[in-house]
PDB file of N, CA and C in Angstrom:
ATOM      1  N   UNK A   1     -24.365   4.556 -31.863  1.00  0.00           N
ATOM      2  CA  UNK A   1     -25.505   3.697 -31.602  1.00  0.00           C
ATOM      3  C   UNK A   1     -26.390   3.626 -32.840  1.00  0.00           C
ATOM      4  N   UNK A   2     -26.788   2.433 -33.201  1.00  0.00           N
ATOM      5  CA  UNK A   2     -27.622   2.210 -34.365  1.00  0.00           C
ATOM      6  C   UNK A   2     -29.059   2.632 -34.083  1.00  0.00           C
ATOM      7  N   UNK A   3     -29.657   3.281 -35.056  1.00  0.00           N
ATOM      8  CA  UNK A   3     -31.058   3.626 -34.912  1.00  0.00           C
ATOM      9  C   UNK A   3     -31.886   2.686 -35.767  1.00  0.00           C
ATOM     10  N   UNK A   4     -33.132   2.470 -35.376  1.00  0.00           N
ATOM     11  CA  UNK A   4     -34.000   1.609 -36.174  1.00  0.00           C
ATOM     12  C   UNK A   4     -34.228   2.216 -37.552  1.00  0.00           C
ATOM     13  N   UNK A   5     -34.122   3.538 -37.661  1.00  0.00           N
ATOM     14  CA  UNK A   5     -34.271   4.202 -38.947  1.00  0.00           C
ATOM     15  C   UNK A   5     -33.142   3.802 -39.894  1.00  0.00           C
ATOM     16  N   UNK A   6     -31.908   3.736 -39.397  1.00  0.00           N
ATOM     17  CA  UNK A   6     -30.766   3.335 -40.218  1.00  0.00           C
ATOM     18  C   UNK A   6     -30.916   1.886 -40.661  1.00  0.00           C
ATOM     19  N   UNK A   7     -31.362   1.012 -39.772  1.00  0.00           N
ATOM     20  CA  UNK A   7     -31.586  -0.387 -40.119  1.00  0.00           C
ATOM     21  C   UNK A   7     -32.684  -0.496 -41.169  1.00  0.00           C
ATOM     22  N   UNK A   8     -33.769   0.228 -40.986  1.00  0.00           N
ATOM     23  CA  UNK A   8     -34.877   0.206 -41.958  1.00  0.00           C
ATOM     24  C   UNK A   8     -34.411   0.653 -43.338  1.00  0.00           C
ATOM     25  N   UNK A   9     -33.596   1.694 -43.375  1.00  0.00           N
ATOM     26  CA  UNK A   9     -33.082   2.190 -44.659  1.00  0.00           C
ATOM     27  C   UNK A   9     -32.189   1.147 -45.327  1.00  0.00           C
ATOM     28  N   UNK A  10     -31.328   0.486 -44.570  1.00  0.00           N
ATOM     29  CA  UNK A  10     -30.463  -0.553 -45.124  1.00  0.00           C
ATOM     30  C   UNK A  10     -31.295  -1.699 -45.683  1.00  0.00           C
ATOM     31  N   UNK A  11     -32.307  -2.116 -44.942  1.00  0.00           N
ATOM     32  CA  UNK A  11     -33.160  -3.210 -45.406  1.00  0.00           C
ATOM     33  C   UNK A  11     -33.998  -2.809 -46.613  1.00  0.00           C
ATOM     34  N   UNK A  12     -34.435  -1.573 -46.655  1.00  0.00           N
ATOM     35  CA  UNK A  12     -35.231  -1.089 -47.785  1.00  0.00           C
ATOM     36  C   UNK A  12     -34.427  -1.162 -49.087  1.00  0.00           C
ATOM     37  N   UNK A  13     -33.114  -0.981 -48.990  1.00  0.00           N
ATOM     38  CA  UNK A  13     -32.242  -1.022 -50.166  1.00  0.00           C
ATOM     39  C   UNK A  13     -31.798  -2.445 -50.519  1.00  0.00           C
ATOM     40  N   UNK A  14     -32.017  -3.391 -49.617  1.00  0.00           N
ATOM     41  CA  UNK A  14     -31.578  -4.772 -49.842  1.00  0.00           C
ATOM     42  C   UNK A  14     -32.476  -5.462 -50.874  1.00  0.00           C
ATOM     43  N   UNK A  15     -31.901  -6.389 -51.630  1.00  0.00           N
ATOM     44  CA  UNK A  15     -32.718  -7.132 -52.597  1.00  0.00           C
ATOM     45  C   UNK A  15     -33.782  -7.967 -51.890  1.00  0.00           C
ATOM     46  N   UNK A  16     -34.952  -8.024 -52.481  1.00  0.00           N
ATOM     47  CA  UNK A  16     -36.039  -8.831 -51.927  1.00  0.00           C
ATOM     48  C   UNK A  16     -35.767 -10.315 -52.153  1.00  0.00           C
ATOM     49  N   UNK A  17     -36.328 -11.140 -51.280  1.00  0.00           N
ATOM     50  CA  UNK A  17     -36.250 -12.601 -51.359  1.00  0.00           C
ATOM     51  C   UNK A  17     -34.798 -13.084 -51.468  1.00  0.00           C
ATOM     52  N   UNK A  18     -33.942 -12.510 -50.653  1.00  0.00           N
ATOM     53  CA  UNK A  18     -32.519 -12.855 -50.633  1.00  0.00           C
ATOM     54  C   UNK A  18     -32.044 -12.983 -49.195  1.00  0.00           C
ATOM     55  N   UNK A  19     -30.903 -13.629 -49.048  1.00  0.00           N
ATOM     56  CA  UNK A  19     -30.224 -13.634 -47.761  1.00  0.00           C
ATOM     57  C   UNK A  19     -29.280 -12.455 -47.754  1.00  0.00           C
ATOM     58  N   UNK A  20     -29.271 -11.700 -46.677  1.00  0.00           N
ATOM     59  CA  UNK A  20     -28.403 -10.525 -46.585  1.00  0.00           C
ATOM     60  C   UNK A  20     -27.688 -10.522 -45.240  1.00  0.00           C
ATOM     61  N   UNK A  21     -26.511  -9.919 -45.243  1.00  0.00           N
ATOM     62  CA  UNK A  21     -25.759  -9.716 -44.003  1.00  0.00           C
ATOM     63  C   UNK A  21     -25.688  -8.221 -43.765  1.00  0.00           C
ATOM     64  N   UNK A  22     -26.121  -7.805 -42.596  1.00  0.00           N
ATOM     65  CA  UNK A  22     -26.032  -6.405 -42.198  1.00  0.00           C
ATOM     66  C   UNK A  22     -24.766  -6.211 -41.380  1.00  0.00           C
ATOM     67  N   UNK A  23     -24.120  -5.069 -41.569  1.00  0.00           N
ATOM     68  CA  UNK A  23     -22.925  -4.740 -40.791  1.00  0.00           C
ATOM     69  C   UNK A  23     -23.239  -4.840 -39.296  1.00  0.00           C
ATOM     70  N   UNK A  24     -22.203  -4.929 -38.486  1.00  0.00           N
ATOM     71  CA  UNK A  24     -22.379  -5.075 -37.039  1.00  0.00           C
ATOM     72  C   UNK A  24     -23.256  -3.978 -36.448  1.00  0.00           C
ATOM     73  N   UNK A  25     -23.165  -2.767 -37.003  1.00  0.00           N
ATOM     74  CA  UNK A  25     -24.007  -1.673 -36.505  1.00  0.00           C
ATOM     75  C   UNK A  25     -25.357  -1.604 -37.229  1.00  0.00           C
ATOM     76  N   UNK A  26     -25.591  -2.568 -38.130  1.00  0.00           N
ATOM     77  CA  UNK A  26     -26.858  -2.715 -38.858  1.00  0.00           C
ATOM     78  C   UNK A  26     -27.237  -1.490 -39.687  1.00  0.00           C
ATOM     79  N   UNK A  27     -26.239  -0.793 -40.236  1.00  0.00           N
ATOM     80  CA  UNK A  27     -26.525   0.394 -41.038  1.00  0.00           C
ATOM     81  C   UNK A  27     -26.321   0.170 -42.536  1.00  0.00           C
ATOM     82  N   UNK A  28     -25.701  -0.968 -42.914  1.00  0.00           N
ATOM     83  CA  UNK A  28     -25.511  -1.234 -44.341  1.00  0.00           C
ATOM     84  C   UNK A  28     -25.458  -2.728 -44.609  1.00  0.00           C
ATOM     85  N   UNK A  29     -25.813  -3.089 -45.838  1.00  0.00           N
ATOM     86  CA  UNK A  29     -25.736  -4.475 -46.289  1.00  0.00           C
ATOM     87  C   UNK A  29     -24.299  -4.730 -46.737  1.00  0.00           C
ATOM     88  N   UNK A  30     -23.681  -5.776 -46.193  1.00  0.00           N
ATOM     89  CA  UNK A  30     -22.297  -6.074 -46.536  1.00  0.00           C
ATOM     90  C   UNK A  30     -22.151  -7.311 -47.411  1.00  0.00           C
ATOM     91  N   UNK A  31     -23.196  -8.146 -47.495  1.00  0.00           N
ATOM     92  CA  UNK A  31     -23.156  -9.321 -48.360  1.00  0.00           C
ATOM     93  C   UNK A  31     -24.589  -9.726 -48.707  1.00  0.00           C
ATOM     94  N   UNK A  32     -24.753 -10.259 -49.906  1.00  0.00           N
ATOM     95  CA  UNK A  32     -26.062 -10.707 -50.394  1.00  0.00           C
ATOM     96  C   UNK A  32     -25.866 -12.042 -51.089  1.00  0.00           C
ATOM     97  N   UNK A  33     -26.830 -12.938 -50.939  1.00  0.00           N
ATOM     98  CA  UNK A  33     -26.756 -14.222 -51.638  1.00  0.00           C
ATOM     99  C   UNK A  33     -28.115 -14.870 -51.754  1.00  0.00           C
ATOM    100  N   UNK A  34     -28.176 -15.886 -52.595  1.00  0.00           N
ATOM    101  CA  UNK A  34     -29.411 -16.634 -52.790  1.00  0.00           C
ATOM    102  C   UNK A  34     -29.646 -17.634 -51.661  1.00  0.00           C
ATOM    103  N   UNK A  35     -28.566 -17.954 -50.918  1.00  0.00           N
ATOM    104  CA  UNK A  35     -28.692 -18.904 -49.816  1.00  0.00           C
ATOM    105  C   UNK A  35     -27.908 -18.400 -48.600  1.00  0.00           C
ATOM    106  N   UNK A  36     -28.247 -18.957 -47.462  1.00  0.00           N
ATOM    107  CA  UNK A  36     -27.533 -18.639 -46.221  1.00  0.00           C
ATOM    108  C   UNK A  36     -26.058 -19.000 -46.377  1.00  0.00           C
ATOM    109  N   UNK A  37     -25.800 -20.167 -46.966  1.00  0.00           N
ATOM    110  CA  UNK A  37     -24.434 -20.638 -47.146  1.00  0.00           C
ATOM    111  C   UNK A  37     -23.618 -19.690 -48.025  1.00  0.00           C
ATOM    112  N   UNK A  38     -24.240 -19.135 -49.054  1.00  0.00           N
ATOM    113  CA  UNK A  38     -23.537 -18.196 -49.928  1.00  0.00           C
ATOM    114  C   UNK A  38     -23.119 -16.945 -49.158  1.00  0.00           C
ATOM    115  N   UNK A  39     -24.008 -16.449 -48.319  1.00  0.00           N
ATOM    116  CA  UNK A  39     -23.690 -15.254 -47.528  1.00  0.00           C
ATOM    117  C   UNK A  39     -22.605 -15.557 -46.495  1.00  0.00           C
ATOM    118  N   UNK A  40     -22.709 -16.686 -45.808  1.00  0.00           N
ATOM    119  CA  UNK A  40     -21.672 -17.013 -44.817  1.00  0.00           C
ATOM    120  C   UNK A  40     -20.318 -17.216 -45.483  1.00  0.00           C
ATOM    121  N   UNK A  41     -20.310 -17.790 -46.676  1.00  0.00           N
ATOM    122  CA  UNK A  41     -19.056 -17.958 -47.409  1.00  0.00           C
ATOM    123  C   UNK A  41     -18.435 -16.603 -47.744  1.00  0.00           C
ATOM    124  N   UNK A  42     -19.246 -15.659 -48.196  1.00  0.00           N
ATOM    125  CA  UNK A  42     -18.749 -14.316 -48.501  1.00  0.00           C
ATOM    126  C   UNK A  42     -18.205 -13.640 -47.251  1.00  0.00           C
ATOM    127  N   UNK A  43     -18.929 -13.768 -46.141  1.00  0.00           N
ATOM    128  CA  UNK A  43     -18.477 -13.165 -44.886  1.00  0.00           C
ATOM    129  C   UNK A  43     -17.166 -13.791 -44.420  1.00  0.00           C
ATOM    130  N   UNK A  44     -17.043 -15.109 -44.549  1.00  0.00           N
ATOM    131  CA  UNK A  44     -15.804 -15.785 -44.153  1.00  0.00           C
ATOM    132  C   UNK A  44     -14.623 -15.287 -44.978  1.00  0.00           C
ATOM    133  N   UNK A  45     -14.820 -15.106 -46.289  1.00  0.00           N
ATOM    134  CA  UNK A  45     -13.736 -14.599 -47.146  1.00  0.00           C
ATOM    135  C   UNK A  45     -13.345 -13.174 -46.755  1.00  0.00           C
ATOM    136  N   UNK A  46     -14.312 -12.405 -46.259  1.00  0.00           N
ATOM    137  CA  UNK A  46     -14.048 -11.030 -45.829  1.00  0.00           C
ATOM    138  C   UNK A  46     -13.459 -10.983 -44.422  1.00  0.00           C
ATOM    139  N   UNK A  47     -13.515 -12.106 -43.711  1.00  0.00           N
ATOM    140  CA  UNK A  47     -13.057 -12.127 -42.327  1.00  0.00           C
ATOM    141  C   UNK A  47     -14.051 -11.489 -41.371  1.00  0.00           C
ATOM    142  N   UNK A  48     -15.290 -11.404 -41.788  1.00  0.00           N
ATOM    143  CA  UNK A  48     -16.347 -10.756 -40.998  1.00  0.00           C
ATOM    144  C   UNK A  48     -17.022 -11.784 -40.096  1.00  0.00           C
ATOM    145  N   UNK A  49     -16.963 -11.563 -38.794  1.00  0.00           N
ATOM    146  CA  UNK A  49     -17.609 -12.468 -37.843  1.00  0.00           C
ATOM    147  C   UNK A  49     -18.705 -11.774 -37.043  1.00  0.00           C
ATOM    148  N   UNK A  50     -18.970 -10.509 -37.351  1.00  0.00           N
ATOM    149  CA  UNK A  50     -19.904  -9.728 -36.539  1.00  0.00           C
ATOM    150  C   UNK A  50     -21.229  -9.382 -37.219  1.00  0.00           C
ATOM    151  N   UNK A  51     -21.353  -9.664 -38.501  1.00  0.00           N
ATOM    152  CA  UNK A  51     -22.568  -9.270 -39.218  1.00  0.00           C
ATOM    153  C   UNK A  51     -23.762 -10.138 -38.845  1.00  0.00           C
ATOM    154  N   UNK A  52     -24.935  -9.538 -38.939  1.00  0.00           N
ATOM    155  CA  UNK A  52     -26.191 -10.243 -38.695  1.00  0.00           C
ATOM    156  C   UNK A  52     -26.754 -10.700 -40.039  1.00  0.00           C
ATOM    157  N   UNK A  53     -27.119 -11.978 -40.129  1.00  0.00           N
ATOM    158  CA  UNK A  53     -27.641 -12.534 -41.375  1.00  0.00           C
ATOM    159  C   UNK A  53     -29.145 -12.733 -41.243  1.00  0.00           C
ATOM    160  N   UNK A  54     -29.863 -12.315 -42.276  1.00  0.00           N
ATOM    161  CA  UNK A  54     -31.315 -12.510 -42.274  1.00  0.00           C
ATOM    162  C   UNK A  54     -31.833 -12.669 -43.683  1.00  0.00           C
ATOM    163  N   UNK A  55     -33.064 -13.142 -43.787  1.00  0.00           N
ATOM    164  CA  UNK A  55     -33.723 -13.362 -45.079  1.00  0.00           C
ATOM    165  C   UNK A  55     -34.715 -12.240 -45.298  1.00  0.00           C
ATOM    166  N   UNK A  56     -34.631 -11.599 -46.459  1.00  0.00           N
ATOM    167  CA  UNK A  56     -35.607 -10.559 -46.776  1.00  0.00           C
ATOM    168  C   UNK A  56     -36.858 -11.211 -47.356  1.00  0.00           C
ATOM    169  N   UNK A  57     -38.000 -10.578 -47.192  1.00  0.00           N
ATOM    170  CA  UNK A  57     -39.259 -11.162 -47.685  1.00  0.00           C
ATOM    171  C   UNK A  57     -39.374 -11.003 -49.199  1.00  0.00           C
ATOM    172  N   UNK A  58     -40.280 -11.755 -49.825  1.00  0.00           N
ATOM    173  CA  UNK A  58     -40.518 -11.601 -51.263  1.00  0.00           C
ATOM    174  C   UNK A  58     -41.042 -10.214 -51.623  1.00  0.00           C
ATOM    175  N   UNK A  59     -41.735  -9.568 -50.685  1.00  0.00           N
ATOM    176  CA  UNK A  59     -42.254  -8.220 -50.894  1.00  0.00           C
ATOM    177  C   UNK A  59     -42.437  -7.571 -49.523  1.00  0.00           C
ATOM    178  N   UNK A  60     -42.252  -6.244 -49.486  1.00  0.00           N
ATOM    179  CA  UNK A  60     -42.509  -5.529 -48.236  1.00  0.00           C
ATOM    180  C   UNK A  60     -43.991  -5.183 -48.210  1.00  0.00           C
ATOM    181  N   UNK A  61     -44.648  -5.537 -47.152  1.00  0.00           N
ATOM    182  CA  UNK A  61     -46.068  -5.282 -47.001  1.00  0.00           C
ATOM    183  C   UNK A  61     -46.282  -4.175 -45.969  1.00  0.00           C
ATOM    184  N   UNK A  62     -47.269  -3.329 -46.193  1.00  0.00           N
ATOM    185  CA  UNK A  62     -47.552  -2.305 -45.189  1.00  0.00           C
ATOM    186  C   UNK A  62     -48.032  -2.941 -43.882  1.00  0.00           C
ATOM    187  N   UNK A  63     -47.680  -2.323 -42.802  1.00  0.00           N
ATOM    188  CA  UNK A  63     -48.069  -2.803 -41.479  1.00  0.00           C
ATOM    189  C   UNK A  63     -49.243  -1.975 -40.964  1.00  0.00           C
ATOM    190  N   UNK A  64     -50.278  -2.662 -40.582  1.00  0.00           N
ATOM    191  CA  UNK A  64     -51.438  -1.969 -40.014  1.00  0.00           C
ATOM    192  C   UNK A  64     -51.486  -2.260 -38.519  1.00  0.00           C
ATOM    193  N   UNK A  65     -51.588  -1.231 -37.729  1.00  0.00           N
ATOM    194  CA  UNK A  65     -51.661  -1.402 -36.277  1.00  0.00           C
ATOM    195  C   UNK A  65     -53.047  -1.137 -35.777  1.00  0.00           C
TER     196      UNK A  65
END
């Protein structure tokens, strides 16, 4: 089972302001690109249909609750 801590660590290591694909268990970045299409193309070549694709922000900002 994936923990939010593992997902946070994977995202922390991902390049900022990029499209990234996280593994199905969301513990590692499996593809990175400048566009959504670039990431989907990489995933298609890998035969990966289970990864989650998202856009990282230009900068990580602290969260105040």
